[in-house]
């Protein structure tokens, strides 16, 4: 027995299934609790703070407690990745990705959940060992009114772009710009 830890619980960090070449060669589908990081995690990355530090509010370090560094950083999601490298014979390493994330499942059978959907286009270029990325993300939060009907309480949209390069050996340049509205 570990003091303060319930031995009757089982927590799973990641559990997903990957279906490669689904329907045709360049499509890969991944379903389950999985890590999803776009870019360096500026907009979509670790699910650590929202689900592990309970009751911490805006205090990311939980005031007196040590920082949380567990591996519980996965999202419950469906992720479709399409490799567009040979699109039109361009030989450009382009990848398109769609994600549907169940952020918060409230009452089962009611439409009162928090869902996140988005698309990401990314490419890695040989010039200066660089990467480019553009994305759109929508977070839709619904809540149930006291009458039981579903009421939408908010939708936040984010569009952004990211780039990184290593023009000189030993150097690294990185920049990301995002705009939120809604």
N, C-alpha and C. Protein backbone atom coordinates (compact mmCIF):
# COMPACT_ATOMS: atom_id res chain seq x y z
N UNK A 1 0.83 -1.19 0.00
CA UNK A 1 0.00 0.00 0.00
C UNK A 1 0.87 1.25 0.00
N UNK A 2 0.48 2.19 -0.84
CA UNK A 2 1.15 3.49 -0.87
C UNK A 2 0.26 4.46 -0.12
N UNK A 3 0.80 5.17 0.86
CA UNK A 3 -0.03 6.11 1.64
C UNK A 3 -0.67 7.15 0.74
N UNK A 4 -1.96 7.37 0.91
CA UNK A 4 -2.68 8.40 0.17
C UNK A 4 -3.11 7.99 -1.23
N UNK A 5 -2.80 6.76 -1.64
CA UNK A 5 -3.17 6.31 -2.98
C UNK A 5 -4.16 5.17 -2.86
N UNK A 6 -5.28 5.30 -3.55
CA UNK A 6 -6.29 4.25 -3.53
C UNK A 6 -5.82 3.10 -4.42
N UNK A 7 -5.83 1.89 -3.89
CA UNK A 7 -5.35 0.75 -4.67
C UNK A 7 -6.44 0.17 -5.55
N UNK A 8 -7.67 0.67 -5.47
CA UNK A 8 -8.76 0.16 -6.27
C UNK A 8 -8.90 0.85 -7.62
N UNK A 9 -8.11 1.88 -7.89
CA UNK A 9 -8.22 2.63 -9.13
C UNK A 9 -7.17 2.19 -10.13
N UNK A 10 -7.52 2.30 -11.38
CA UNK A 10 -6.57 2.04 -12.46
C UNK A 10 -6.64 3.22 -13.41
N UNK A 11 -5.55 3.91 -13.62
CA UNK A 11 -5.49 5.03 -14.53
C UNK A 11 -4.64 4.64 -15.73
N UNK A 12 -5.15 4.92 -16.91
CA UNK A 12 -4.43 4.63 -18.15
C UNK A 12 -4.08 5.95 -18.81
N UNK A 13 -2.80 6.13 -19.08
CA UNK A 13 -2.33 7.37 -19.68
C UNK A 13 -2.68 7.45 -21.16
N UNK A 14 -2.36 6.42 -21.92
CA UNK A 14 -2.62 6.41 -23.35
C UNK A 14 -3.14 5.04 -23.76
N UNK A 15 -4.16 5.03 -24.59
CA UNK A 15 -4.70 3.79 -25.12
C UNK A 15 -5.41 4.12 -26.42
N UNK A 16 -4.79 3.80 -27.53
CA UNK A 16 -5.37 4.13 -28.83
C UNK A 16 -5.04 3.04 -29.84
N UNK A 17 -5.79 3.07 -30.93
CA UNK A 17 -5.56 2.14 -32.02
C UNK A 17 -5.25 2.96 -33.26
N UNK A 18 -4.26 2.51 -34.03
CA UNK A 18 -3.86 3.19 -35.26
C UNK A 18 -4.19 2.29 -36.44
N UNK A 19 -4.90 2.86 -37.40
CA UNK A 19 -5.27 2.15 -38.63
C UNK A 19 -4.53 2.82 -39.78
N UNK A 20 -3.45 2.20 -40.24
CA UNK A 20 -2.66 2.77 -41.34
C UNK A 20 -3.25 2.34 -42.67
N UNK A 21 -3.09 3.19 -43.65
CA UNK A 21 -3.56 2.95 -45.01
C UNK A 21 -5.04 2.62 -45.02
N UNK A 22 -5.81 3.37 -44.25
CA UNK A 22 -7.25 3.17 -44.18
C UNK A 22 -7.90 3.70 -45.47
N UNK A 23 -8.65 2.91 -46.13
CA UNK A 23 -9.31 3.18 -47.41
C UNK A 23 -8.32 3.31 -48.56
N UNK A 24 -7.22 4.05 -48.36
CA UNK A 24 -6.16 4.09 -49.36
C UNK A 24 -4.87 4.52 -48.68
N UNK A 25 -3.76 4.39 -49.37
CA UNK A 25 -2.42 4.45 -48.78
C UNK A 25 -2.10 5.68 -47.93
N UNK A 26 -2.39 6.90 -48.34
CA UNK A 26 -1.89 8.03 -47.53
C UNK A 26 -2.71 8.39 -46.29
N UNK A 27 -3.77 7.66 -45.97
CA UNK A 27 -4.63 8.02 -44.83
C UNK A 27 -4.36 7.12 -43.63
N UNK A 28 -4.12 7.75 -42.47
CA UNK A 28 -3.94 7.04 -41.21
C UNK A 28 -4.96 7.58 -40.22
N UNK A 29 -5.63 6.68 -39.52
CA UNK A 29 -6.64 7.06 -38.53
C UNK A 29 -6.21 6.53 -37.17
N UNK A 30 -6.28 7.38 -36.15
CA UNK A 30 -5.93 6.98 -34.79
C UNK A 30 -7.10 7.36 -33.89
N UNK A 31 -7.58 6.39 -33.10
CA UNK A 31 -8.74 6.60 -32.23
C UNK A 31 -8.37 6.18 -30.81
N UNK A 32 -8.67 7.04 -29.82
CA UNK A 32 -8.45 6.69 -28.42
C UNK A 32 -7.76 7.82 -27.67
N UNK A 33 -7.29 7.50 -26.48
CA UNK A 33 -6.57 8.47 -25.63
C UNK A 33 -5.13 8.56 -26.14
N UNK A 34 -4.79 9.69 -26.76
CA UNK A 34 -3.51 9.83 -27.45
C UNK A 34 -2.92 11.21 -27.24
N UNK A 35 -1.59 11.30 -27.30
CA UNK A 35 -0.96 12.63 -27.21
C UNK A 35 -1.11 13.35 -28.55
N UNK A 36 -1.50 14.61 -28.51
CA UNK A 36 -1.61 15.43 -29.72
C UNK A 36 -0.90 16.74 -29.45
N UNK A 37 0.11 17.03 -30.24
CA UNK A 37 0.85 18.28 -30.11
C UNK A 37 1.02 18.86 -31.50
N UNK A 38 0.52 20.06 -31.70
CA UNK A 38 0.75 20.78 -32.95
C UNK A 38 1.84 21.80 -32.67
N UNK A 39 2.86 21.79 -33.50
CA UNK A 39 3.98 22.69 -33.28
C UNK A 39 4.69 22.34 -32.00
N UNK A 40 4.85 23.34 -31.16
CA UNK A 40 5.50 23.12 -29.87
C UNK A 40 4.49 23.18 -28.73
N UNK A 41 3.21 23.01 -29.06
CA UNK A 41 2.18 22.95 -28.03
C UNK A 41 1.65 24.30 -27.59
N UNK A 42 1.87 25.34 -28.36
CA UNK A 42 1.41 26.68 -28.00
C UNK A 42 -0.10 26.74 -27.91
N UNK A 43 -0.81 26.17 -28.88
CA UNK A 43 -2.26 26.17 -28.90
C UNK A 43 -2.83 24.80 -28.57
N UNK A 44 -2.28 23.75 -29.16
CA UNK A 44 -2.76 22.40 -28.91
C UNK A 44 -1.58 21.54 -28.51
N UNK A 45 -1.61 21.07 -27.26
CA UNK A 45 -0.50 20.28 -26.75
C UNK A 45 -0.93 19.49 -25.55
N UNK A 46 -0.11 19.46 -24.56
CA UNK A 46 -0.33 18.66 -23.36
C UNK A 46 -1.66 18.96 -22.71
N UNK A 47 -2.34 17.90 -22.30
CA UNK A 47 -3.60 18.03 -21.58
C UNK A 47 -3.35 17.98 -20.07
N UNK A 48 -2.15 18.30 -19.67
CA UNK A 48 -1.72 18.13 -18.28
C UNK A 48 -2.45 19.03 -17.30
N UNK A 49 -2.42 20.33 -17.52
CA UNK A 49 -2.91 21.25 -16.50
C UNK A 49 -4.41 21.14 -16.24
N UNK A 50 -5.18 21.00 -17.29
CA UNK A 50 -6.63 20.97 -17.10
C UNK A 50 -7.14 19.72 -16.41
N UNK A 51 -6.46 18.60 -16.55
CA UNK A 51 -7.01 17.36 -16.00
C UNK A 51 -6.27 16.83 -14.78
N UNK A 52 -5.07 17.29 -14.52
CA UNK A 52 -4.31 16.73 -13.41
C UNK A 52 -4.35 17.62 -12.18
N UNK A 53 -4.20 18.90 -12.36
CA UNK A 53 -4.21 19.81 -11.21
C UNK A 53 -5.67 20.21 -10.96
N UNK A 54 -6.34 19.45 -10.13
CA UNK A 54 -7.74 19.70 -9.86
C UNK A 54 -7.89 20.79 -8.82
N UNK A 55 -8.74 21.74 -9.11
CA UNK A 55 -9.00 22.80 -8.15
C UNK A 55 -7.88 23.82 -8.08
N UNK A 56 -6.93 23.77 -8.99
CA UNK A 56 -5.81 24.70 -8.97
C UNK A 56 -6.15 26.07 -9.52
N UNK A 57 -7.25 26.16 -10.29
CA UNK A 57 -7.64 27.44 -10.88
C UNK A 57 -6.54 27.95 -11.79
N UNK A 58 -6.21 29.23 -11.64
CA UNK A 58 -5.16 29.82 -12.48
C UNK A 58 -3.78 29.63 -11.88
N UNK A 59 -3.70 29.03 -10.74
CA UNK A 59 -2.41 28.79 -10.08
C UNK A 59 -1.82 27.50 -10.64
N UNK A 60 -1.03 27.62 -11.70
CA UNK A 60 -0.52 26.46 -12.41
C UNK A 60 0.40 25.59 -11.56
N UNK A 61 1.01 26.13 -10.56
CA UNK A 61 1.89 25.35 -9.70
C UNK A 61 1.22 24.95 -8.40
N UNK A 62 -0.07 25.17 -8.30
CA UNK A 62 -0.86 24.82 -7.12
C UNK A 62 -0.24 25.41 -5.85
N UNK A 63 0.21 26.64 -5.93
CA UNK A 63 0.76 27.42 -4.83
C UNK A 63 1.90 26.74 -4.09
N UNK A 64 1.60 25.92 -3.15
CA UNK A 64 2.62 25.34 -2.29
C UNK A 64 3.09 23.97 -2.79
N UNK A 65 2.32 23.36 -3.70
CA UNK A 65 2.65 22.01 -4.18
C UNK A 65 3.70 22.06 -5.29
N UNK A 66 4.38 20.96 -5.48
CA UNK A 66 5.37 20.86 -6.56
C UNK A 66 4.66 20.75 -7.90
N UNK A 67 5.35 21.12 -8.96
CA UNK A 67 4.78 21.01 -10.30
C UNK A 67 4.45 19.56 -10.61
N UNK A 68 3.42 19.35 -11.41
CA UNK A 68 2.97 18.01 -11.77
C UNK A 68 3.65 17.58 -13.07
N UNK A 69 4.34 16.46 -13.06
CA UNK A 69 5.05 15.97 -14.23
C UNK A 69 4.68 14.53 -14.54
N UNK A 70 3.42 14.19 -14.48
CA UNK A 70 3.01 12.84 -14.80
C UNK A 70 2.90 12.69 -16.32
N UNK A 71 2.57 11.49 -16.76
CA UNK A 71 2.45 11.23 -18.18
C UNK A 71 0.99 11.28 -18.63
N UNK A 72 0.10 11.85 -17.83
CA UNK A 72 -1.30 11.95 -18.19
C UNK A 72 -1.50 13.17 -19.07
N UNK A 73 -1.05 13.08 -20.30
CA UNK A 73 -1.08 14.21 -21.22
C UNK A 73 -1.81 13.87 -22.51
N UNK A 74 -2.71 12.91 -22.49
CA UNK A 74 -3.40 12.48 -23.70
C UNK A 74 -4.80 13.07 -23.78
N UNK A 75 -5.30 13.15 -24.99
CA UNK A 75 -6.66 13.59 -25.26
C UNK A 75 -7.48 12.39 -25.74
N UNK A 76 -8.76 12.33 -25.41
CA UNK A 76 -9.67 11.36 -26.01
C UNK A 76 -10.05 11.92 -27.37
N UNK A 77 -9.56 11.30 -28.44
CA UNK A 77 -9.68 11.94 -29.75
C UNK A 77 -9.75 10.95 -30.90
N UNK A 78 -10.22 11.47 -32.01
CA UNK A 78 -10.13 10.82 -33.32
C UNK A 78 -9.21 11.72 -34.14
N UNK A 79 -8.21 11.11 -34.74
CA UNK A 79 -7.19 11.88 -35.47
C UNK A 79 -6.98 11.24 -36.84
N UNK A 80 -7.22 12.00 -37.90
CA UNK A 80 -7.01 11.52 -39.27
C UNK A 80 -5.85 12.29 -39.88
N UNK A 81 -4.84 11.56 -40.34
CA UNK A 81 -3.65 12.18 -40.93
C UNK A 81 -3.56 11.75 -42.39
N UNK A 82 -3.45 12.74 -43.27
CA UNK A 82 -3.38 12.50 -44.70
C UNK A 82 -2.04 12.99 -45.22
N UNK A 83 -1.25 12.08 -45.77
CA UNK A 83 0.06 12.41 -46.31
C UNK A 83 -0.12 12.85 -47.76
N UNK A 84 0.10 14.14 -48.02
CA UNK A 84 -0.09 14.71 -49.35
C UNK A 84 1.23 14.92 -50.08
N UNK A 85 2.24 14.15 -49.74
CA UNK A 85 3.59 14.35 -50.29
C UNK A 85 3.65 14.24 -51.80
N UNK A 86 2.88 13.36 -52.38
CA UNK A 86 2.95 13.16 -53.83
C UNK A 86 1.77 13.76 -54.56
N UNK A 87 1.16 14.78 -53.99
CA UNK A 87 0.02 15.43 -54.59
C UNK A 87 0.43 16.17 -55.86
N UNK A 88 -0.07 15.75 -56.97
CA UNK A 88 0.22 16.41 -58.24
C UNK A 88 1.67 16.33 -58.66
N UNK A 89 2.43 15.40 -58.12
CA UNK A 89 3.83 15.25 -58.49
C UNK A 89 4.74 16.37 -58.00
N UNK A 90 4.30 17.14 -56.99
CA UNK A 90 5.09 18.27 -56.49
C UNK A 90 6.29 17.84 -55.66
N UNK A 91 6.22 16.64 -55.09
CA UNK A 91 7.28 16.13 -54.22
C UNK A 91 7.54 17.08 -53.05
N UNK A 92 6.47 17.63 -52.50
CA UNK A 92 6.54 18.53 -51.35
C UNK A 92 6.02 17.78 -50.14
N UNK A 93 6.79 17.68 -49.06
CA UNK A 93 6.33 16.92 -47.88
C UNK A 93 5.24 17.66 -47.12
N UNK A 94 4.00 17.52 -47.57
CA UNK A 94 2.86 18.20 -46.97
C UNK A 94 1.97 17.18 -46.27
N UNK A 95 1.55 17.51 -45.04
CA UNK A 95 0.68 16.65 -44.26
C UNK A 95 -0.54 17.45 -43.82
N UNK A 96 -1.72 16.87 -43.96
CA UNK A 96 -2.96 17.47 -43.47
C UNK A 96 -3.49 16.58 -42.35
N UNK A 97 -3.94 17.23 -41.28
CA UNK A 97 -4.42 16.47 -40.13
C UNK A 97 -5.72 17.08 -39.62
N UNK A 98 -6.68 16.21 -39.30
CA UNK A 98 -7.95 16.62 -38.70
C UNK A 98 -8.05 15.95 -37.33
N UNK A 99 -8.46 16.70 -36.31
CA UNK A 99 -8.66 16.12 -34.98
C UNK A 99 -10.06 16.47 -34.48
N UNK A 100 -10.66 15.51 -33.79
CA UNK A 100 -11.89 15.71 -33.05
C UNK A 100 -11.60 15.24 -31.63
N UNK A 101 -11.61 16.16 -30.69
CA UNK A 101 -11.23 15.86 -29.31
C UNK A 101 -12.45 16.04 -28.40
N UNK A 102 -12.68 15.05 -27.57
CA UNK A 102 -13.73 15.16 -26.56
C UNK A 102 -13.05 15.75 -25.32
N UNK A 103 -13.21 17.06 -25.13
CA UNK A 103 -12.55 17.74 -24.04
C UNK A 103 -13.15 17.42 -22.69
N UNK A 104 -14.50 17.37 -22.64
CA UNK A 104 -15.17 17.10 -21.37
C UNK A 104 -16.51 16.45 -21.68
N UNK A 105 -16.68 15.25 -21.23
CA UNK A 105 -17.96 14.53 -21.38
C UNK A 105 -18.74 14.76 -20.10
N UNK A 106 -19.76 15.57 -20.18
CA UNK A 106 -20.55 15.85 -18.99
C UNK A 106 -21.57 14.74 -18.77
N UNK A 107 -22.84 15.00 -18.82
CA UNK A 107 -23.84 13.95 -18.61
C UNK A 107 -24.03 13.14 -19.89
N UNK A 108 -23.99 11.84 -19.75
CA UNK A 108 -24.13 10.96 -20.90
C UNK A 108 -25.55 11.06 -21.45
N UNK A 109 -25.66 11.17 -22.76
CA UNK A 109 -26.96 11.28 -23.40
C UNK A 109 -27.43 12.70 -23.59
N UNK A 110 -26.73 13.67 -23.05
CA UNK A 110 -27.09 15.07 -23.23
C UNK A 110 -26.00 15.77 -24.04
N UNK A 111 -26.42 16.76 -24.79
CA UNK A 111 -25.47 17.51 -25.59
C UNK A 111 -24.93 18.69 -24.77
N UNK A 112 -24.11 18.39 -23.79
CA UNK A 112 -23.57 19.42 -22.91
C UNK A 112 -22.06 19.25 -22.73
N UNK A 113 -21.39 18.89 -23.80
CA UNK A 113 -19.97 18.55 -23.73
C UNK A 113 -19.09 19.70 -24.21
N UNK A 114 -17.80 19.53 -24.00
CA UNK A 114 -16.79 20.43 -24.56
C UNK A 114 -16.05 19.64 -25.64
N UNK A 115 -16.14 20.11 -26.87
CA UNK A 115 -15.51 19.44 -28.00
C UNK A 115 -14.54 20.38 -28.71
N UNK A 116 -13.48 19.81 -29.23
CA UNK A 116 -12.47 20.58 -29.96
C UNK A 116 -12.30 19.91 -31.32
N UNK A 117 -12.34 20.73 -32.39
CA UNK A 117 -12.10 20.23 -33.74
C UNK A 117 -11.10 21.15 -34.41
N UNK A 118 -10.29 20.57 -35.28
CA UNK A 118 -9.34 21.42 -35.99
C UNK A 118 -8.65 20.73 -37.14
N UNK A 119 -8.04 21.54 -38.00
CA UNK A 119 -7.24 21.05 -39.11
C UNK A 119 -5.86 21.71 -39.04
N UNK A 120 -4.88 20.95 -39.47
CA UNK A 120 -3.49 21.41 -39.42
C UNK A 120 -2.81 20.99 -40.73
N UNK A 121 -2.14 21.93 -41.36
CA UNK A 121 -1.34 21.65 -42.55
C UNK A 121 0.11 21.93 -42.20
N UNK A 122 0.97 20.96 -42.40
CA UNK A 122 2.38 21.15 -42.03
C UNK A 122 3.30 20.60 -43.11
N UNK A 123 4.50 21.15 -43.14
CA UNK A 123 5.49 20.72 -44.12
C UNK A 123 6.89 20.90 -43.53
N UNK A 124 7.77 19.98 -43.85
CA UNK A 124 9.17 20.08 -43.48
C UNK A 124 9.97 20.30 -44.76
N UNK A 125 10.77 21.35 -44.76
CA UNK A 125 11.54 21.71 -45.94
C UNK A 125 13.02 21.46 -45.71
N UNK A 126 13.72 21.09 -46.77
CA UNK A 126 15.16 20.84 -46.66
C UNK A 126 15.95 22.14 -46.46
N UNK A 127 15.44 23.22 -47.03
CA UNK A 127 16.14 24.50 -46.93
C UNK A 127 16.21 24.93 -45.46
N UNK A 128 17.40 25.06 -44.95
CA UNK A 128 17.67 25.50 -43.58
C UNK A 128 17.04 24.58 -42.54
N UNK A 129 16.75 23.35 -42.89
CA UNK A 129 16.16 22.41 -41.96
C UNK A 129 14.94 23.05 -41.29
N UNK A 130 13.96 23.47 -42.11
CA UNK A 130 12.85 24.29 -41.61
C UNK A 130 11.52 23.55 -41.64
N UNK A 131 10.57 24.08 -40.88
CA UNK A 131 9.20 23.56 -40.80
C UNK A 131 8.22 24.72 -40.92
N UNK A 132 7.10 24.46 -41.56
CA UNK A 132 6.02 25.43 -41.66
C UNK A 132 4.72 24.74 -41.26
N UNK A 133 3.84 25.50 -40.63
CA UNK A 133 2.59 24.91 -40.16
C UNK A 133 1.51 25.99 -40.12
N UNK A 134 0.30 25.64 -40.54
CA UNK A 134 -0.86 26.52 -40.44
C UNK A 134 -2.02 25.69 -39.88
N UNK A 135 -2.83 26.30 -39.02
CA UNK A 135 -3.90 25.52 -38.38
C UNK A 135 -5.12 26.37 -38.07
N UNK A 136 -6.23 25.67 -37.90
CA UNK A 136 -7.48 26.25 -37.44
C UNK A 136 -8.03 25.31 -36.37
N UNK A 137 -8.47 25.87 -35.25
CA UNK A 137 -8.98 25.07 -34.14
C UNK A 137 -10.24 25.73 -33.60
N UNK A 138 -11.27 24.92 -33.32
CA UNK A 138 -12.52 25.41 -32.75
C UNK A 138 -12.81 24.63 -31.48
N UNK A 139 -13.03 25.36 -30.39
CA UNK A 139 -13.43 24.75 -29.12
C UNK A 139 -14.86 25.19 -28.85
N UNK A 140 -15.77 24.22 -28.76
CA UNK A 140 -17.18 24.50 -28.55
C UNK A 140 -17.59 23.96 -27.20
N UNK A 141 -18.11 24.83 -26.35
CA UNK A 141 -18.51 24.47 -25.00
C UNK A 141 -20.02 24.61 -24.89
N UNK A 142 -20.69 23.53 -24.55
CA UNK A 142 -22.13 23.57 -24.35
C UNK A 142 -22.43 23.19 -22.91
N UNK A 143 -23.51 23.70 -22.40
CA UNK A 143 -23.93 23.36 -21.05
C UNK A 143 -25.42 23.09 -21.07
N UNK A 144 -25.90 22.42 -20.07
CA UNK A 144 -27.32 22.09 -20.00
C UNK A 144 -28.03 23.12 -19.13
N UNK A 145 -29.09 23.67 -19.67
CA UNK A 145 -29.90 24.63 -18.92
C UNK A 145 -30.69 23.87 -17.85
N UNK A 146 -31.19 24.57 -16.82
CA UNK A 146 -31.96 23.89 -15.78
C UNK A 146 -33.18 23.14 -16.32
N UNK A 147 -33.70 23.53 -17.48
CA UNK A 147 -34.86 22.85 -18.06
C UNK A 147 -34.46 21.56 -18.75
N UNK A 148 -33.15 21.32 -18.91
CA UNK A 148 -32.69 20.10 -19.55
C UNK A 148 -32.34 20.28 -21.01
N UNK A 149 -32.67 21.46 -21.56
CA UNK A 149 -32.34 21.69 -22.97
C UNK A 149 -30.87 22.09 -23.09
N UNK A 150 -30.30 21.82 -24.25
CA UNK A 150 -28.89 22.13 -24.48
C UNK A 150 -28.75 23.60 -24.87
N UNK A 151 -27.84 24.29 -24.21
CA UNK A 151 -27.60 25.69 -24.50
C UNK A 151 -26.12 25.87 -24.77
N UNK A 152 -25.81 26.48 -25.90
CA UNK A 152 -24.40 26.70 -26.22
C UNK A 152 -23.90 27.90 -25.42
N UNK A 153 -22.79 27.72 -24.72
CA UNK A 153 -22.27 28.80 -23.89
C UNK A 153 -21.03 29.45 -24.47
N UNK A 154 -20.46 28.88 -25.50
CA UNK A 154 -19.29 29.54 -26.06
C UNK A 154 -18.59 28.74 -27.13
N UNK A 155 -18.00 29.47 -28.03
CA UNK A 155 -17.22 28.86 -29.09
C UNK A 155 -16.01 29.76 -29.31
N UNK A 156 -14.83 29.18 -29.24
CA UNK A 156 -13.60 29.93 -29.46
C UNK A 156 -12.90 29.36 -30.68
N UNK A 157 -12.58 30.22 -31.63
CA UNK A 157 -11.87 29.83 -32.84
C UNK A 157 -10.45 30.36 -32.78
N UNK A 158 -9.52 29.56 -33.25
CA UNK A 158 -8.11 29.97 -33.28
C UNK A 158 -7.54 29.64 -34.65
N UNK A 159 -6.95 30.65 -35.27
CA UNK A 159 -6.20 30.41 -36.51
C UNK A 159 -4.75 30.80 -36.22
N UNK A 160 -3.84 30.07 -36.81
CA UNK A 160 -2.45 30.37 -36.51
C UNK A 160 -1.49 29.80 -37.52
N UNK A 161 -0.25 30.24 -37.38
CA UNK A 161 0.83 29.73 -38.21
C UNK A 161 2.10 29.67 -37.38
N UNK A 162 2.95 28.74 -37.75
CA UNK A 162 4.19 28.52 -37.02
C UNK A 162 5.28 28.21 -38.02
N UNK A 163 6.48 28.65 -37.70
CA UNK A 163 7.63 28.33 -38.53
C UNK A 163 8.87 28.19 -37.68
N UNK A 164 9.77 27.35 -38.13
CA UNK A 164 11.05 27.19 -37.45
C UNK A 164 12.11 26.86 -38.49
N UNK A 165 13.34 27.23 -38.17
CA UNK A 165 14.44 26.99 -39.10
C UNK A 165 15.75 26.94 -38.33
N UNK A 166 16.71 26.31 -38.93
CA UNK A 166 18.07 26.25 -38.39
C UNK A 166 19.03 26.70 -39.50
N UNK A 167 19.13 28.02 -39.71
CA UNK A 167 19.92 28.53 -40.83
C UNK A 167 21.42 28.30 -40.67
N UNK A 168 21.89 28.28 -39.45
CA UNK A 168 23.31 28.06 -39.17
C UNK A 168 23.40 26.92 -38.17
N UNK A 169 24.33 26.04 -38.36
CA UNK A 169 24.48 24.90 -37.46
C UNK A 169 24.63 25.39 -36.01
N UNK A 170 23.82 24.82 -35.14
CA UNK A 170 23.85 25.21 -33.73
C UNK A 170 22.85 26.31 -33.39
N UNK A 171 22.18 26.88 -34.39
CA UNK A 171 21.19 27.92 -34.12
C UNK A 171 19.79 27.39 -34.42
N UNK A 172 18.80 28.02 -33.82
CA UNK A 172 17.41 27.60 -34.03
C UNK A 172 16.52 28.82 -33.91
N UNK A 173 15.75 29.10 -34.93
CA UNK A 173 14.79 30.21 -34.93
C UNK A 173 13.39 29.63 -34.93
N UNK A 174 12.50 30.23 -34.15
CA UNK A 174 11.16 29.72 -34.01
C UNK A 174 10.20 30.88 -33.83
N UNK A 175 9.05 30.80 -34.47
CA UNK A 175 8.03 31.83 -34.29
C UNK A 175 6.65 31.26 -34.50
N UNK A 176 5.70 31.72 -33.71
CA UNK A 176 4.32 31.28 -33.85
C UNK A 176 3.40 32.45 -33.59
N UNK A 177 2.38 32.55 -34.42
CA UNK A 177 1.40 33.64 -34.32
C UNK A 177 0.01 33.02 -34.37
N UNK A 178 -0.84 33.38 -33.41
CA UNK A 178 -2.19 32.84 -33.37
C UNK A 178 -3.16 33.96 -33.05
N UNK A 179 -4.36 33.85 -33.61
CA UNK A 179 -5.41 34.82 -33.38
C UNK A 179 -6.66 34.06 -32.93
N UNK A 180 -7.23 34.48 -31.81
CA UNK A 180 -8.44 33.84 -31.29
C UNK A 180 -9.61 34.82 -31.38
N UNK A 181 -10.76 34.28 -31.70
CA UNK A 181 -11.98 35.07 -31.74
C UNK A 181 -13.16 34.17 -31.41
N UNK A 182 -14.26 34.80 -31.04
CA UNK A 182 -15.47 34.03 -30.75
C UNK A 182 -15.99 34.29 -29.38
